[in-house]
Amino acid sequence: LFLTSGTQSALSMAAGCIEAACECINQEKSLLLEPVIAMATRVVFIFLCLTVLLLLVTTAAPSALREGQVQRNWHWTREQQFYMGYTIVWTMWLMELTTSVSQFALAWVTERWYFT
């Protein structure tokens, strides 16, 4: 009996939250554009970061090709490796920042809608 009443109140609360979320989305039409804006921002950041990373990768010094050798090796200095690693971390940080800004914008719009 205790489990049933607890489950019933949890389901009722969840249904109320879903109804409130639907009302918020219907009244604040800008919320419908947020996923598109967030994705466009991520695509631009990824493109820029991958461009920088590819430019760094092409700074490697090739080794001399020996007779009978088919494959060429590329060598990066420690500084170049550091810059490439830094660019990868920087890219991940930008993606997390984009997610955080997106969540903040959603929370702020929802808070403004709820308390007005």
N, C-alpha and C. Protein backbone atom coordinates (compact mmCIF):
# COMPACT_ATOMS: atom_id res chain seq x y z
N LEU A 1 0.82 -1.20 0.00
CA LEU A 1 0.00 0.00 0.00
C LEU A 1 0.86 1.26 0.00
N PHE A 2 1.97 1.25 0.77
CA PHE A 2 2.85 2.42 0.85
C PHE A 2 3.55 2.67 -0.48
N LEU A 3 3.97 1.61 -1.15
CA LEU A 3 4.63 1.76 -2.44
C LEU A 3 3.67 2.31 -3.49
N THR A 4 2.44 1.90 -3.43
CA THR A 4 1.47 2.35 -4.42
C THR A 4 1.18 3.84 -4.27
N SER A 5 1.01 4.31 -3.04
CA SER A 5 0.72 5.73 -2.84
C SER A 5 1.94 6.58 -3.18
N GLY A 6 3.14 6.12 -2.89
CA GLY A 6 4.35 6.85 -3.24
C GLY A 6 4.55 6.91 -4.74
N THR A 7 4.25 5.82 -5.41
CA THR A 7 4.37 5.79 -6.87
C THR A 7 3.32 6.70 -7.51
N GLN A 8 2.12 6.68 -6.95
CA GLN A 8 1.04 7.51 -7.50
C GLN A 8 1.38 9.00 -7.38
N SER A 9 1.93 9.41 -6.23
CA SER A 9 2.26 10.83 -6.06
C SER A 9 3.45 11.21 -6.95
N ALA A 10 4.39 10.30 -7.14
CA ALA A 10 5.53 10.58 -8.03
C ALA A 10 5.06 10.71 -9.47
N LEU A 11 4.15 9.85 -9.89
CA LEU A 11 3.61 9.95 -11.25
C LEU A 11 2.81 11.22 -11.43
N SER A 12 2.06 11.60 -10.42
CA SER A 12 1.28 12.84 -10.49
C SER A 12 2.20 14.05 -10.58
N MET A 13 3.28 14.04 -9.82
CA MET A 13 4.25 15.14 -9.87
C MET A 13 4.94 15.20 -11.23
N ALA A 14 5.30 14.05 -11.77
CA ALA A 14 5.94 14.00 -13.09
C ALA A 14 5.00 14.52 -14.17
N ALA A 15 3.74 14.15 -14.09
CA ALA A 15 2.76 14.62 -15.07
C ALA A 15 2.58 16.14 -14.97
N GLY A 16 2.59 16.66 -13.75
CA GLY A 16 2.49 18.10 -13.56
C GLY A 16 3.69 18.83 -14.15
N CYS A 17 4.89 18.27 -13.98
CA CYS A 17 6.10 18.88 -14.55
C CYS A 17 6.05 18.87 -16.07
N ILE A 18 5.56 17.79 -16.64
CA ILE A 18 5.47 17.70 -18.10
C ILE A 18 4.45 18.70 -18.64
N GLU A 19 3.32 18.83 -17.95
CA GLU A 19 2.32 19.81 -18.37
C GLU A 19 2.87 21.23 -18.30
N ALA A 20 3.61 21.54 -17.24
CA ALA A 20 4.20 22.88 -17.09
C ALA A 20 5.23 23.13 -18.18
N ALA A 21 6.02 22.12 -18.52
CA ALA A 21 7.03 22.26 -19.58
C ALA A 21 6.35 22.51 -20.93
N CYS A 22 5.26 21.82 -21.20
CA CYS A 22 4.53 22.02 -22.46
C CYS A 22 3.94 23.43 -22.53
N GLU A 23 3.39 23.91 -21.42
CA GLU A 23 2.86 25.27 -21.39
C GLU A 23 3.96 26.30 -21.64
N CYS A 24 5.11 26.07 -21.01
CA CYS A 24 6.24 27.00 -21.18
C CYS A 24 6.69 27.04 -22.64
N ILE A 25 6.83 25.90 -23.25
CA ILE A 25 7.27 25.85 -24.65
C ILE A 25 6.24 26.49 -25.57
N ASN A 26 4.96 26.28 -25.29
CA ASN A 26 3.91 26.89 -26.13
C ASN A 26 3.86 28.40 -25.97
N GLN A 27 4.17 28.92 -24.79
CA GLN A 27 4.10 30.36 -24.57
C GLN A 27 5.40 31.07 -24.95
N GLU A 28 6.53 30.40 -24.83
CA GLU A 28 7.84 31.00 -25.16
C GLU A 28 8.35 30.34 -26.45
N LYS A 29 7.97 30.91 -27.57
CA LYS A 29 8.31 30.31 -28.87
C LYS A 29 9.83 30.30 -29.12
N SER A 30 10.58 31.17 -28.45
CA SER A 30 12.03 31.20 -28.66
C SER A 30 12.69 29.91 -28.18
N LEU A 31 12.03 29.18 -27.29
CA LEU A 31 12.59 27.91 -26.83
C LEU A 31 12.67 26.87 -27.96
N LEU A 32 11.83 27.03 -28.96
CA LEU A 32 11.86 26.09 -30.08
C LEU A 32 13.11 26.27 -30.95
N LEU A 33 13.67 27.47 -30.95
CA LEU A 33 14.87 27.75 -31.75
C LEU A 33 16.17 27.40 -31.03
N GLU A 34 16.12 27.23 -29.73
CA GLU A 34 17.34 27.02 -28.96
C GLU A 34 18.17 25.81 -29.42
N PRO A 35 17.59 24.66 -29.68
CA PRO A 35 18.42 23.54 -30.15
C PRO A 35 19.12 23.83 -31.47
N VAL A 36 18.46 24.55 -32.37
CA VAL A 36 19.07 24.89 -33.65
C VAL A 36 20.24 25.84 -33.45
N ILE A 37 20.06 26.84 -32.59
CA ILE A 37 21.13 27.79 -32.31
C ILE A 37 22.31 27.10 -31.62
N ALA A 38 22.02 26.23 -30.67
CA ALA A 38 23.09 25.51 -29.97
C ALA A 38 23.87 24.61 -30.94
N MET A 39 23.18 23.93 -31.82
CA MET A 39 23.85 23.05 -32.77
C MET A 39 24.68 23.85 -33.76
N ALA A 40 24.15 24.97 -34.24
CA ALA A 40 24.90 25.81 -35.18
C ALA A 40 26.17 26.35 -34.51
N THR A 41 26.07 26.75 -33.26
CA THR A 41 27.24 27.22 -32.52
C THR A 41 28.27 26.12 -32.39
N ARG A 42 27.82 24.91 -32.05
CA ARG A 42 28.76 23.79 -31.91
C ARG A 42 29.45 23.47 -33.25
N VAL A 43 28.69 23.50 -34.33
CA VAL A 43 29.27 23.21 -35.65
C VAL A 43 30.34 24.23 -36.00
N VAL A 44 30.07 25.50 -35.74
CA VAL A 44 31.06 26.55 -36.03
C VAL A 44 32.31 26.34 -35.17
N PHE A 45 32.13 26.08 -33.88
CA PHE A 45 33.29 25.88 -33.00
C PHE A 45 34.09 24.64 -33.41
N ILE A 46 33.40 23.56 -33.74
CA ILE A 46 34.11 22.34 -34.15
C ILE A 46 34.89 22.59 -35.43
N PHE A 47 34.28 23.29 -36.39
CA PHE A 47 34.96 23.59 -37.64
C PHE A 47 36.22 24.41 -37.38
N LEU A 48 36.11 25.44 -36.57
CA LEU A 48 37.27 26.28 -36.28
C LEU A 48 38.36 25.51 -35.53
N CYS A 49 37.97 24.72 -34.55
CA CYS A 49 38.96 23.96 -33.78
C CYS A 49 39.63 22.89 -34.63
N LEU A 50 38.87 22.21 -35.48
CA LEU A 50 39.48 21.21 -36.35
C LEU A 50 40.41 21.84 -37.38
N THR A 51 40.06 23.03 -37.83
CA THR A 51 40.95 23.75 -38.76
C THR A 51 42.27 24.06 -38.09
N VAL A 52 42.22 24.57 -36.86
CA VAL A 52 43.45 24.87 -36.12
C VAL A 52 44.25 23.59 -35.88
N LEU A 53 43.57 22.51 -35.50
CA LEU A 53 44.27 21.25 -35.25
C LEU A 53 44.92 20.71 -36.52
N LEU A 54 44.23 20.78 -37.64
CA LEU A 54 44.82 20.31 -38.89
C LEU A 54 46.01 21.17 -39.31
N LEU A 55 45.93 22.46 -39.06
CA LEU A 55 47.08 23.32 -39.36
C LEU A 55 48.27 22.96 -38.48
N LEU A 56 48.01 22.60 -37.23
CA LEU A 56 49.11 22.19 -36.34
C LEU A 56 49.69 20.85 -36.76
N VAL A 57 48.85 19.94 -37.20
CA VAL A 57 49.33 18.62 -37.63
C VAL A 57 50.24 18.75 -38.84
N THR A 58 49.96 19.70 -39.71
CA THR A 58 50.77 19.84 -40.92
C THR A 58 52.10 20.53 -40.68
N THR A 59 52.40 20.92 -39.43
CA THR A 59 53.69 21.54 -39.14
C THR A 59 54.77 20.52 -38.85
N ALA A 60 54.48 19.24 -38.96
CA ALA A 60 55.45 18.19 -38.67
C ALA A 60 56.57 18.19 -39.71
N ALA A 61 57.73 17.72 -39.27
CA ALA A 61 58.87 17.62 -40.17
C ALA A 61 58.94 16.18 -40.70
N PRO A 62 58.92 16.01 -42.02
CA PRO A 62 59.00 14.65 -42.57
C PRO A 62 60.43 14.13 -42.50
N SER A 63 60.55 12.83 -42.31
CA SER A 63 61.90 12.21 -42.34
C SER A 63 62.25 11.89 -43.79
N ALA A 64 63.52 11.74 -44.03
CA ALA A 64 63.98 11.45 -45.39
C ALA A 64 63.51 10.05 -45.79
N LEU A 65 63.12 9.92 -47.04
CA LEU A 65 62.65 8.65 -47.56
C LEU A 65 63.87 7.86 -48.04
N ARG A 66 64.09 6.70 -47.42
CA ARG A 66 65.24 5.87 -47.79
C ARG A 66 64.91 5.03 -49.02
N GLU A 67 65.94 4.52 -49.63
CA GLU A 67 65.76 3.70 -50.83
C GLU A 67 64.98 2.43 -50.48
N GLY A 68 63.96 2.15 -51.25
CA GLY A 68 63.12 0.97 -51.03
C GLY A 68 62.06 1.18 -49.97
N GLN A 69 62.02 2.35 -49.37
CA GLN A 69 61.04 2.64 -48.34
C GLN A 69 59.80 3.27 -48.97
N VAL A 70 58.66 2.78 -48.58
CA VAL A 70 57.41 3.24 -49.16
C VAL A 70 56.73 4.26 -48.26
N GLN A 71 56.98 4.16 -46.99
CA GLN A 71 56.28 4.98 -46.01
C GLN A 71 57.18 6.10 -45.49
N ARG A 72 56.62 7.27 -45.30
CA ARG A 72 57.35 8.41 -44.75
C ARG A 72 56.85 8.67 -43.33
N ASN A 73 57.75 8.94 -42.44
CA ASN A 73 57.39 9.23 -41.05
C ASN A 73 57.41 10.73 -40.80
N TRP A 74 56.56 11.16 -39.89
CA TRP A 74 56.47 12.57 -39.53
C TRP A 74 56.86 12.73 -38.08
N HIS A 75 57.58 13.79 -37.78
CA HIS A 75 58.06 14.02 -36.41
C HIS A 75 57.65 15.40 -35.94
N TRP A 76 57.06 15.43 -34.74
CA TRP A 76 56.67 16.69 -34.12
C TRP A 76 57.56 16.95 -32.92
N THR A 77 57.84 18.22 -32.67
CA THR A 77 58.59 18.58 -31.47
C THR A 77 57.66 18.50 -30.27
N ARG A 78 58.24 18.56 -29.08
CA ARG A 78 57.42 18.54 -27.86
C ARG A 78 56.48 19.75 -27.83
N GLU A 79 56.97 20.87 -28.30
CA GLU A 79 56.15 22.07 -28.32
C GLU A 79 54.94 21.89 -29.24
N GLN A 80 55.13 21.30 -30.40
CA GLN A 80 54.03 21.06 -31.33
C GLN A 80 53.04 20.07 -30.74
N GLN A 81 53.55 19.03 -30.07
CA GLN A 81 52.66 18.06 -29.42
C GLN A 81 51.85 18.73 -28.31
N PHE A 82 52.50 19.62 -27.57
CA PHE A 82 51.79 20.36 -26.52
C PHE A 82 50.67 21.19 -27.13
N TYR A 83 50.95 21.89 -28.22
CA TYR A 83 49.94 22.73 -28.86
C TYR A 83 48.77 21.89 -29.38
N MET A 84 49.07 20.72 -29.93
CA MET A 84 47.99 19.85 -30.42
C MET A 84 47.14 19.34 -29.26
N GLY A 85 47.77 18.93 -28.18
CA GLY A 85 47.02 18.50 -27.00
C GLY A 85 46.19 19.62 -26.41
N TYR A 86 46.79 20.82 -26.36
CA TYR A 86 46.08 21.99 -25.85
C TYR A 86 44.86 22.30 -26.72
N THR A 87 45.00 22.15 -28.03
CA THR A 87 43.88 22.41 -28.94
C THR A 87 42.76 21.39 -28.72
N ILE A 88 43.10 20.16 -28.47
CA ILE A 88 42.09 19.13 -28.21
C ILE A 88 41.34 19.44 -26.91
N VAL A 89 42.08 19.80 -25.85
CA VAL A 89 41.45 20.15 -24.57
C VAL A 89 40.59 21.41 -24.74
N TRP A 90 41.11 22.37 -25.49
CA TRP A 90 40.40 23.62 -25.76
C TRP A 90 39.08 23.33 -26.49
N THR A 91 39.12 22.41 -27.44
CA THR A 91 37.91 22.04 -28.18
C THR A 91 36.87 21.42 -27.24
N MET A 92 37.31 20.49 -26.38
CA MET A 92 36.37 19.88 -25.44
C MET A 92 35.80 20.93 -24.48
N TRP A 93 36.63 21.88 -24.05
CA TRP A 93 36.17 22.93 -23.15
C TRP A 93 35.12 23.80 -23.85
N LEU A 94 35.35 24.12 -25.11
CA LEU A 94 34.37 24.93 -25.85
C LEU A 94 33.04 24.21 -26.00
N MET A 95 33.09 22.89 -26.22
CA MET A 95 31.84 22.13 -26.33
C MET A 95 31.09 22.14 -25.00
N GLU A 96 31.81 21.99 -23.89
CA GLU A 96 31.17 22.03 -22.58
C GLU A 96 30.63 23.43 -22.28
N LEU A 97 31.37 24.46 -22.69
CA LEU A 97 30.91 25.83 -22.49
C LEU A 97 29.62 26.07 -23.28
N THR A 98 29.57 25.57 -24.50
CA THR A 98 28.36 25.72 -25.32
C THR A 98 27.17 25.03 -24.65
N THR A 99 27.40 23.84 -24.11
CA THR A 99 26.33 23.12 -23.41
C THR A 99 25.87 23.90 -22.18
N SER A 100 26.82 24.44 -21.42
CA SER A 100 26.48 25.19 -20.22
C SER A 100 25.70 26.47 -20.53
N VAL A 101 26.13 27.19 -21.56
CA VAL A 101 25.42 28.41 -21.95
C VAL A 101 24.00 28.07 -22.42
N SER A 102 23.87 26.99 -23.16
CA SER A 102 22.56 26.56 -23.64
C SER A 102 21.64 26.20 -22.47
N GLN A 103 22.15 25.45 -21.51
CA GLN A 103 21.35 25.07 -20.35
C GLN A 103 20.99 26.30 -19.51
N PHE A 104 21.94 27.23 -19.38
CA PHE A 104 21.64 28.45 -18.63
C PHE A 104 20.53 29.25 -19.31
N ALA A 105 20.61 29.37 -20.63
CA ALA A 105 19.59 30.13 -21.35
C ALA A 105 18.22 29.49 -21.18
N LEU A 106 18.16 28.17 -21.28
CA LEU A 106 16.88 27.48 -21.07
C LEU A 106 16.36 27.68 -19.65
N ALA A 107 17.25 27.56 -18.68
CA ALA A 107 16.83 27.73 -17.28
C ALA A 107 16.37 29.17 -17.02
N TRP A 108 17.07 30.14 -17.59
CA TRP A 108 16.71 31.53 -17.37
C TRP A 108 15.35 31.85 -17.99
N VAL A 109 15.12 31.41 -19.23
CA VAL A 109 13.83 31.67 -19.88
C VAL A 109 12.71 30.97 -19.12
N THR A 110 12.96 29.75 -18.67
CA THR A 110 11.94 29.01 -17.93
C THR A 110 11.65 29.69 -16.60
N GLU A 111 12.68 30.16 -15.93
CA GLU A 111 12.50 30.85 -14.65
C GLU A 111 11.72 32.14 -14.84
N ARG A 112 12.03 32.89 -15.88
CA ARG A 112 11.31 34.15 -16.16
C ARG A 112 9.85 33.84 -16.49
N TRP A 113 9.60 32.76 -17.19
CA TRP A 113 8.23 32.39 -17.55
C TRP A 113 7.47 31.95 -16.28
N TYR A 114 8.11 31.13 -15.45
CA TYR A 114 7.43 30.54 -14.29
C TYR A 114 7.07 31.59 -13.24
N PHE A 115 7.96 32.55 -13.00
CA PHE A 115 7.74 33.51 -11.93
C PHE A 115 7.10 34.82 -12.39
N THR A 116 6.53 34.83 -13.59
CA THR A 116 5.80 36.03 -14.02
C THR A 116 4.33 35.73 -14.20
